[in-house]
Amino acid sequence: MTDVSMVSGLDSDGIVVEWTKVKNLGSGSYGQVHLAKLSNLISGDHLLAAVKSCAYSRSASIQKELHILRQFEDSNRIVECSVMW
């Protein structure tokens, strides 16, 4: 997997966002989790978030995780689960 420090894309709401890796929080066999600075390119808003990413060849596991988390999206125990392409 290529280590890219900045990624731009659309979030699940179709909003153009850019995220920059700040710090590696951990990694496992299916991906990495980074502290990231997210920037909304339209409004200029910024926030810090934990971002999980993986190589496309290992994305089946993350897609399964996303499917499970989406079943609980109305729960106050899930902060937010978004997809960025």
PDB file of N, CA and C in Angstrom:
ATOM      1  N   MET A   1       0.842  -1.175   0.000  1.00  0.00           N
ATOM      2  CA  MET A   1       0.000   0.000   0.000  1.00  0.00           C
ATOM      3  C   MET A   1       0.885   1.234   0.000  1.00  0.00           C
ATOM      4  N   THR A   2       0.604   2.156  -0.856  1.00  0.00           N
ATOM      5  CA  THR A   2       1.351   3.402  -0.928  1.00  0.00           C
ATOM      6  C   THR A   2       0.940   4.292   0.239  1.00  0.00           C
ATOM      7  N   ASP A   3       1.927   4.883   0.894  1.00  0.00           N
ATOM      8  CA  ASP A   3       1.642   5.751   2.020  1.00  0.00           C
ATOM      9  C   ASP A   3       1.418   7.169   1.502  1.00  0.00           C
ATOM     10  N   VAL A   4       0.177   7.610   1.494  1.00  0.00           N
ATOM     11  CA  VAL A   4      -0.185   8.937   1.007  1.00  0.00           C
ATOM     12  C   VAL A   4      -0.539   9.786   2.219  1.00  0.00           C
ATOM     13  N   SER A   5       0.050  10.981   2.314  1.00  0.00           N
ATOM     14  CA  SER A   5      -0.202  11.807   3.491  1.00  0.00           C
ATOM     15  C   SER A   5      -1.442  12.680   3.358  1.00  0.00           C
ATOM     16  N   MET A   6      -1.938  12.897   2.130  1.00  0.00           N
ATOM     17  CA  MET A   6      -3.131  13.714   1.935  1.00  0.00           C
ATOM     18  C   MET A   6      -4.027  13.040   0.900  1.00  0.00           C
ATOM     19  N   VAL A   7      -5.319  12.962   1.213  1.00  0.00           N
ATOM     20  CA  VAL A   7      -6.285  12.315   0.330  1.00  0.00           C
ATOM     21  C   VAL A   7      -7.463  13.252   0.139  1.00  0.00           C
ATOM     22  N   SER A   8      -7.937  13.384  -1.086  1.00  0.00           N
ATOM     23  CA  SER A   8      -9.134  14.172  -1.380  1.00  0.00           C
ATOM     24  C   SER A   8     -10.189  13.242  -1.939  1.00  0.00           C
ATOM     25  N   GLY A   9     -11.427  13.549  -1.672  1.00  0.00           N
ATOM     26  CA  GLY A   9     -12.502  12.735  -2.206  1.00  0.00           C
ATOM     27  C   GLY A   9     -13.849  13.260  -1.773  1.00  0.00           C
ATOM     28  N   LEU A  10     -14.863  12.450  -1.996  1.00  0.00           N
ATOM     29  CA  LEU A  10     -16.228  12.772  -1.603  1.00  0.00           C
ATOM     30  C   LEU A  10     -16.601  11.910  -0.416  1.00  0.00           C
ATOM     31  N   ASP A  11     -17.234  12.513   0.586  1.00  0.00           N
ATOM     32  CA  ASP A  11     -17.707  11.698   1.691  1.00  0.00           C
ATOM     33  C   ASP A  11     -19.055  11.092   1.312  1.00  0.00           C
ATOM     34  N   SER A  12     -19.660  10.349   2.233  1.00  0.00           N
ATOM     35  CA  SER A  12     -20.904   9.649   1.928  1.00  0.00           C
ATOM     36  C   SER A  12     -22.068  10.593   1.652  1.00  0.00           C
ATOM     37  N   ASP A  13     -21.929  11.870   2.017  1.00  0.00           N
ATOM     38  CA  ASP A  13     -22.969  12.867   1.726  1.00  0.00           C
ATOM     39  C   ASP A  13     -22.689  13.639   0.441  1.00  0.00           C
ATOM     40  N   GLY A  14     -21.616  13.278  -0.273  1.00  0.00           N
ATOM     41  CA  GLY A  14     -21.270  13.955  -1.508  1.00  0.00           C
ATOM     42  C   GLY A  14     -20.524  15.258  -1.311  1.00  0.00           C
ATOM     43  N   ILE A  15     -20.018  15.492  -0.103  1.00  0.00           N
ATOM     44  CA  ILE A  15     -19.275  16.715   0.193  1.00  0.00           C
ATOM     45  C   ILE A  15     -17.794  16.484  -0.096  1.00  0.00           C
ATOM     46  N   VAL A  16     -17.172  17.430  -0.776  1.00  0.00           N
ATOM     47  CA  VAL A  16     -15.750  17.331  -1.109  1.00  0.00           C
ATOM     48  C   VAL A  16     -14.943  17.560   0.162  1.00  0.00           C
ATOM     49  N   VAL A  17     -14.156  16.561   0.539  1.00  0.00           N
ATOM     50  CA  VAL A  17     -13.318  16.677   1.729  1.00  0.00           C
ATOM     51  C   VAL A  17     -11.890  16.275   1.392  1.00  0.00           C
ATOM     52  N   GLU A  18     -11.003  16.717   2.237  1.00  0.00           N
ATOM     53  CA  GLU A  18      -9.588  16.386   2.106  1.00  0.00           C
ATOM     54  C   GLU A  18      -9.121  16.014   3.506  1.00  0.00           C
ATOM     55  N   TRP A  19      -8.357  14.938   3.617  1.00  0.00           N
ATOM     56  CA  TRP A  19      -7.818  14.636   4.933  1.00  0.00           C
ATOM     57  C   TRP A  19      -6.317  14.434   4.842  1.00  0.00           C
ATOM     58  N   THR A  20      -5.658  14.940   5.891  1.00  0.00           N
ATOM     59  CA  THR A  20      -4.210  14.893   5.980  1.00  0.00           C
ATOM     60  C   THR A  20      -3.838  14.080   7.214  1.00  0.00           C
ATOM     61  N   LYS A  21      -2.966  13.112   7.030  1.00  0.00           N
ATOM     62  CA  LYS A  21      -2.518  12.306   8.165  1.00  0.00           C
ATOM     63  C   LYS A  21      -1.715  13.171   9.122  1.00  0.00           C
ATOM     64  N   VAL A  22      -2.055  13.085  10.410  1.00  0.00           N
ATOM     65  CA  VAL A  22      -1.332  13.808  11.445  1.00  0.00           C
ATOM     66  C   VAL A  22      -0.426  12.851  12.206  1.00  0.00           C
ATOM     67  N   LYS A  23      -0.971  11.680  12.554  1.00  0.00           N
ATOM     68  CA  LYS A  23      -0.222  10.723  13.364  1.00  0.00           C
ATOM     69  C   LYS A  23      -0.791   9.322  13.154  1.00  0.00           C
ATOM     70  N   ASN A  24       0.065   8.324  13.089  1.00  0.00           N
ATOM     71  CA  ASN A  24      -0.376   6.936  13.004  1.00  0.00           C
ATOM     72  C   ASN A  24      -0.795   6.493  14.401  1.00  0.00           C
ATOM     73  N   LEU A  25      -2.064   6.082  14.545  1.00  0.00           N
ATOM     74  CA  LEU A  25      -2.568   5.625  15.829  1.00  0.00           C
ATOM     75  C   LEU A  25      -2.411   4.125  16.009  1.00  0.00           C
ATOM     76  N   GLY A  26      -2.314   3.398  14.903  1.00  0.00           N
ATOM     77  CA  GLY A  26      -2.158   1.949  14.992  1.00  0.00           C
ATOM     78  C   GLY A  26      -2.378   1.292  13.655  1.00  0.00           C
ATOM     79  N   SER A  27      -1.973   0.044  13.576  1.00  0.00           N
ATOM     80  CA  SER A  27      -2.189  -0.709  12.344  1.00  0.00           C
ATOM     81  C   SER A  27      -2.385  -2.173  12.689  1.00  0.00           C
ATOM     82  N   GLY A  28      -3.024  -2.869  11.782  1.00  0.00           N
ATOM     83  CA  GLY A  28      -3.289  -4.288  11.946  1.00  0.00           C
ATOM     84  C   GLY A  28      -3.144  -4.980  10.616  1.00  0.00           C
ATOM     85  N   SER A  29      -3.630  -6.195  10.554  1.00  0.00           N
ATOM     86  CA  SER A  29      -3.461  -6.972   9.329  1.00  0.00           C
ATOM     87  C   SER A  29      -4.337  -6.469   8.182  1.00  0.00           C
ATOM     88  N   TYR A  30      -5.382  -5.682   8.479  1.00  0.00           N
ATOM     89  CA  TYR A  30      -6.286  -5.229   7.422  1.00  0.00           C
ATOM     90  C   TYR A  30      -6.221  -3.744   7.129  1.00  0.00           C
ATOM     91  N   GLY A  31      -5.442  -2.987   7.865  1.00  0.00           N
ATOM     92  CA  GLY A  31      -5.400  -1.563   7.580  1.00  0.00           C
ATOM     93  C   GLY A  31      -4.690  -0.779   8.654  1.00  0.00           C
ATOM     94  N   GLN A  32      -4.823   0.531   8.556  1.00  0.00           N
ATOM     95  CA  GLN A  32      -4.186   1.461   9.475  1.00  0.00           C
ATOM     96  C   GLN A  32      -5.219   2.470   9.970  1.00  0.00           C
ATOM     97  N   VAL A  33      -4.961   2.999  11.170  1.00  0.00           N
ATOM     98  CA  VAL A  33      -5.799   4.055  11.718  1.00  0.00           C
ATOM     99  C   VAL A  33      -4.893   5.250  11.979  1.00  0.00           C
ATOM    100  N   HIS A  34      -5.295   6.388  11.448  1.00  0.00           N
ATOM    101  CA  HIS A  34      -4.526   7.619  11.613  1.00  0.00           C
ATOM    102  C   HIS A  34      -5.379   8.694  12.278  1.00  0.00           C
ATOM    103  N   LEU A  35      -4.727   9.517  13.084  1.00  0.00           N
ATOM    104  CA  LEU A  35      -5.334  10.770  13.479  1.00  0.00           C
ATOM    105  C   LEU A  35      -5.212  11.645  12.247  1.00  0.00           C
ATOM    106  N   ALA A  36      -6.313  12.222  11.812  1.00  0.00           N
ATOM    107  CA  ALA A  36      -6.297  12.989  10.570  1.00  0.00           C
ATOM    108  C   ALA A  36      -7.014  14.313  10.752  1.00  0.00           C
ATOM    109  N   LYS A  37      -6.564  15.292  10.017  1.00  0.00           N
ATOM    110  CA  LYS A  37      -7.228  16.594   9.960  1.00  0.00           C
ATOM    111  C   LYS A  37      -8.103  16.575   8.708  1.00  0.00           C
ATOM    112  N   LEU A  38      -9.407  16.637   8.902  1.00  0.00           N
ATOM    113  CA  LEU A  38     -10.349  16.661   7.786  1.00  0.00           C
ATOM    114  C   LEU A  38     -10.718  18.091   7.465  1.00  0.00           C
ATOM    115  N   SER A  39     -10.723  18.420   6.194  1.00  0.00           N
ATOM    116  CA  SER A  39     -11.063  19.761   5.737  1.00  0.00           C
ATOM    117  C   SER A  39     -12.201  19.681   4.735  1.00  0.00           C
ATOM    118  N   ASN A  40     -13.276  20.400   5.010  1.00  0.00           N
ATOM    119  CA  ASN A  40     -14.374  20.527   4.068  1.00  0.00           C
ATOM    120  C   ASN A  40     -13.952  21.598   3.078  1.00  0.00           C
ATOM    121  N   LEU A  41     -13.736  21.222   1.826  1.00  0.00           N
ATOM    122  CA  LEU A  41     -13.201  22.150   0.838  1.00  0.00           C
ATOM    123  C   LEU A  41     -14.194  23.226   0.404  1.00  0.00           C
ATOM    124  N   ILE A  42     -15.459  23.037   0.720  1.00  0.00           N
ATOM    125  CA  ILE A  42     -16.458  24.033   0.364  1.00  0.00           C
ATOM    126  C   ILE A  42     -16.620  25.061   1.480  1.00  0.00           C
ATOM    127  N   SER A  43     -16.810  24.583   2.717  1.00  0.00           N
ATOM    128  CA  SER A  43     -17.049  25.515   3.841  1.00  0.00           C
ATOM    129  C   SER A  43     -15.762  25.987   4.500  1.00  0.00           C
ATOM    130  N   GLY A  44     -14.673  25.243   4.317  1.00  0.00           N
ATOM    131  CA  GLY A  44     -13.424  25.594   4.967  1.00  0.00           C
ATOM    132  C   GLY A  44     -13.322  25.097   6.398  1.00  0.00           C
ATOM    133  N   ASP A  45     -14.337  24.350   6.869  1.00  0.00           N
ATOM    134  CA  ASP A  45     -14.312  23.808   8.225  1.00  0.00           C
ATOM    135  C   ASP A  45     -13.254  22.715   8.345  1.00  0.00           C
ATOM    136  N   HIS A  46     -12.690  22.580   9.553  1.00  0.00           N
ATOM    137  CA  HIS A  46     -11.693  21.550   9.837  1.00  0.00           C
ATOM    138  C   HIS A  46     -12.088  20.805  11.109  1.00  0.00           C
ATOM    139  N   LEU A  47     -11.723  19.544  11.190  1.00  0.00           N
ATOM    140  CA  LEU A  47     -11.902  18.787  12.416  1.00  0.00           C
ATOM    141  C   LEU A  47     -10.884  17.659  12.455  1.00  0.00           C
ATOM    142  N   LEU A  48     -10.639  17.141  13.648  1.00  0.00           N
ATOM    143  CA  LEU A  48      -9.747  16.003  13.818  1.00  0.00           C
ATOM    144  C   LEU A  48     -10.597  14.757  13.947  1.00  0.00           C
ATOM    145  N   ALA A  49     -10.126  13.666  13.354  1.00  0.00           N
ATOM    146  CA  ALA A  49     -10.867  12.417  13.395  1.00  0.00           C
ATOM    147  C   ALA A  49      -9.902  11.249  13.282  1.00  0.00           C
ATOM    148  N   ALA A  50     -10.351  10.097  13.725  1.00  0.00           N
ATOM    149  CA  ALA A  50      -9.610   8.863  13.482  1.00  0.00           C
ATOM    150  C   ALA A  50     -10.109   8.321  12.146  1.00  0.00           C
ATOM    151  N   VAL A  51      -9.183   8.029  11.239  1.00  0.00           N
ATOM    152  CA  VAL A  51      -9.533   7.556   9.907  1.00  0.00           C
ATOM    153  C   VAL A  51      -8.905   6.190   9.697  1.00  0.00           C
ATOM    154  N   LYS A  52      -9.723   5.224   9.328  1.00  0.00           N
ATOM    155  CA  LYS A  52      -9.239   3.877   9.042  1.00  0.00           C
ATOM    156  C   LYS A  52      -9.141   3.725   7.533  1.00  0.00           C
ATOM    157  N   SER A  53      -8.018   3.205   7.073  1.00  0.00           N
ATOM    158  CA  SER A  53      -7.828   3.024   5.629  1.00  0.00           C
ATOM    159  C   SER A  53      -7.124   1.695   5.381  1.00  0.00           C
ATOM    160  N   CYS A  54      -7.243   1.230   4.149  1.00  0.00           N
ATOM    161  CA  CYS A  54      -6.595  -0.022   3.776  1.00  0.00           C
ATOM    162  C   CYS A  54      -6.380  -0.040   2.272  1.00  0.00           C
ATOM    163  N   ALA A  55      -5.553  -0.985   1.845  1.00  0.00           N
ATOM    164  CA  ALA A  55      -5.359  -1.217   0.415  1.00  0.00           C
ATOM    165  C   ALA A  55      -6.647  -1.806  -0.159  1.00  0.00           C
ATOM    166  N   TYR A  56      -6.942  -1.484  -1.405  1.00  0.00           N
ATOM    167  CA  TYR A  56      -8.168  -1.987  -2.028  1.00  0.00           C
ATOM    168  C   TYR A  56      -8.239  -3.509  -1.967  1.00  0.00           C
ATOM    169  N   SER A  57      -7.104  -4.175  -2.111  1.00  0.00           N
ATOM    170  CA  SER A  57      -7.082  -5.643  -2.102  1.00  0.00           C
ATOM    171  C   SER A  57      -7.519  -6.216  -0.753  1.00  0.00           C
ATOM    172  N   ARG A  58      -7.515  -5.395   0.282  1.00  0.00           N
ATOM    173  CA  ARG A  58      -7.934  -5.842   1.614  1.00  0.00           C
ATOM    174  C   ARG A  58      -9.237  -5.172   2.053  1.00  0.00           C
ATOM    175  N   SER A  59      -9.943  -4.569   1.119  1.00  0.00           N
ATOM    176  CA  SER A  59     -11.102  -3.756   1.477  1.00  0.00           C
ATOM    177  C   SER A  59     -12.339  -4.565   1.855  1.00  0.00           C
ATOM    178  N   ALA A  60     -12.388  -5.854   1.579  1.00  0.00           N
ATOM    179  CA  ALA A  60     -13.569  -6.647   1.926  1.00  0.00           C
ATOM    180  C   ALA A  60     -13.839  -6.605   3.423  1.00  0.00           C
ATOM    181  N   SER A  61     -12.794  -6.641   4.220  1.00  0.00           N
ATOM    182  CA  SER A  61     -12.958  -6.599   5.674  1.00  0.00           C
ATOM    183  C   SER A  61     -13.526  -5.258   6.134  1.00  0.00           C
ATOM    184  N   ILE A  62     -13.013  -4.171   5.593  1.00  0.00           N
ATOM    185  CA  ILE A  62     -13.508  -2.841   5.969  1.00  0.00           C
ATOM    186  C   ILE A  62     -14.936  -2.644   5.461  1.00  0.00           C
ATOM    187  N   GLN A  63     -15.263  -3.190   4.298  1.00  0.00           N
ATOM    188  CA  GLN A  63     -16.627  -3.073   3.780  1.00  0.00           C
ATOM    189  C   GLN A  63     -17.605  -3.827   4.678  1.00  0.00           C
ATOM    190  N   LYS A  64     -17.192  -4.985   5.189  1.00  0.00           N
ATOM    191  CA  LYS A  64     -18.035  -5.746   6.114  1.00  0.00           C
ATOM    192  C   LYS A  64     -18.231  -4.954   7.407  1.00  0.00           C
ATOM    193  N   GLU A  65     -17.149  -4.350   7.900  1.00  0.00           N
ATOM    194  CA  GLU A  65     -17.225  -3.517   9.101  1.00  0.00           C
ATOM    195  C   GLU A  65     -18.181  -2.344   8.889  1.00  0.00           C
ATOM    196  N   LEU A  66     -18.097  -1.693   7.742  1.00  0.00           N
ATOM    197  CA  LEU A  66     -18.980  -0.577   7.414  1.00  0.00           C
ATOM    198  C   LEU A  66     -20.438  -1.032   7.413  1.00  0.00           C
ATOM    199  N   HIS A  67     -20.705  -2.181   6.818  1.00  0.00           N
ATOM    200  CA  HIS A  67     -22.071  -2.716   6.765  1.00  0.00           C
ATOM    201  C   HIS A  67     -22.618  -2.921   8.181  1.00  0.00           C
ATOM    202  N   ILE A  68     -21.801  -3.458   9.066  1.00  0.00           N
ATOM    203  CA  ILE A  68     -22.231  -3.684  10.456  1.00  0.00           C
ATOM    204  C   ILE A  68     -22.464  -2.355  11.164  1.00  0.00           C
ATOM    205  N   LEU A  69     -21.516  -1.405  11.032  1.00  0.00           N
ATOM    206  CA  LEU A  69     -21.656  -0.117  11.706  1.00  0.00           C
ATOM    207  C   LEU A  69     -22.872   0.661  11.217  1.00  0.00           C
ATOM    208  N   ARG A  70     -23.205   0.537   9.959  1.00  0.00           N
ATOM    209  CA  ARG A  70     -24.364   1.260   9.412  1.00  0.00           C
ATOM    210  C   ARG A  70     -25.672   0.779  10.032  1.00  0.00           C
ATOM    211  N   GLN A  71     -25.695  -0.443  10.541  1.00  0.00           N
ATOM    212  CA  GLN A  71     -26.892  -0.949  11.213  1.00  0.00           C
ATOM    213  C   GLN A  71     -27.132  -0.226  12.539  1.00  0.00           C
ATOM    214  N   PHE A  72     -26.089   0.434  13.045  1.00  0.00           N
ATOM    215  CA  PHE A  72     -26.181   1.129  14.325  1.00  0.00           C
ATOM    216  C   PHE A  72     -26.020   2.637  14.177  1.00  0.00           C
ATOM    217  N   GLU A  73     -26.248   3.178  12.986  1.00  0.00           N
ATOM    218  CA  GLU A  73     -25.973   4.592  12.759  1.00  0.00           C
ATOM    219  C   GLU A  73     -26.849   5.526  13.588  1.00  0.00           C
ATOM    220  N   ASP A  74     -27.977   5.054  14.101  1.00  0.00           N
ATOM    221  CA  ASP A  74     -28.820   5.891  14.952  1.00  0.00           C
ATOM    222  C   ASP A  74     -28.417   5.798  16.423  1.00  0.00           C
ATOM    223  N   SER A  75     -27.447   4.971  16.729  1.00  0.00           N
ATOM    224  CA  SER A  75     -27.000   4.802  18.108  1.00  0.00           C
ATOM    225  C   SER A  75     -26.150   5.993  18.548  1.00  0.00           C
ATOM    226  N   ASN A  76     -26.321   6.410  19.786  1.00  0.00           N
ATOM    227  CA  ASN A  76     -25.487   7.490  20.305  1.00  0.00           C
ATOM    228  C   ASN A  76     -24.103   6.986  20.704  1.00  0.00           C
ATOM    229  N   ARG A  77     -23.838   5.706  20.525  1.00  0.00           N
ATOM    230  CA  ARG A  77     -22.524   5.138  20.845  1.00  0.00           C
ATOM    231  C   ARG A  77     -21.600   5.080  19.626  1.00  0.00           C
ATOM    232  N   ILE A  78     -22.138   5.318  18.433  1.00  0.00           N
ATOM    233  CA  ILE A  78     -21.346   5.390  17.214  1.00  0.00           C
ATOM    234  C   ILE A  78     -21.193   6.880  16.873  1.00  0.00           C
ATOM    235  N   VAL A  79     -19.970   7.378  16.867  1.00  0.00           N
ATOM    236  CA  VAL A  79     -19.759   8.794  16.609  1.00  0.00           C
ATOM    237  C   VAL A  79     -20.139   9.118  15.183  1.00  0.00           C
ATOM    238  N   GLU A  80     -19.488   8.499  14.206  1.00  0.00           N
ATOM    239  CA  GLU A  80     -19.840   8.678  12.799  1.00  0.00           C
ATOM    240  C   GLU A  80     -19.086   7.633  11.994  1.00  0.00           C
ATOM    241  N   CYS A  81     -19.737   7.167  10.982  1.00  0.00           N
ATOM    242  CA  CYS A  81     -19.107   6.204  10.080  1.00  0.00           C
ATOM    243  C   CYS A  81     -19.367   6.701   8.672  1.00  0.00           C
ATOM    244  N   SER A  82     -18.323   7.104   7.968  1.00  0.00           N
ATOM    245  CA  SER A  82     -18.452   7.647   6.621  1.00  0.00           C
ATOM    246  C   SER A  82     -17.508   6.927   5.672  1.00  0.00           C
ATOM    247  N   VAL A  83     -17.848   6.995   4.427  1.00  0.00           N
ATOM    248  CA  VAL A  83     -17.000   6.429   3.380  1.00  0.00           C
ATOM    249  C   VAL A  83     -16.502   7.562   2.520  1.00  0.00           C
ATOM    250  N   MET A  84     -15.243   7.525   2.172  1.00  0.00           N
ATOM    251  CA  MET A  84     -14.705   8.529   1.252  1.00  0.00           C
ATOM    252  C   MET A  84     -14.061   7.796   0.086  1.00  0.00           C
ATOM    253  N   TRP A  85     -14.455   8.170  -1.109  1.00  0.00           N
ATOM    254  CA  TRP A  85     -13.917   7.518  -2.313  1.00  0.00           C
ATOM    255  C   TRP A  85     -12.956   8.422  -3.001  1.00  0.00           C
TER     256      TRP A  85
END
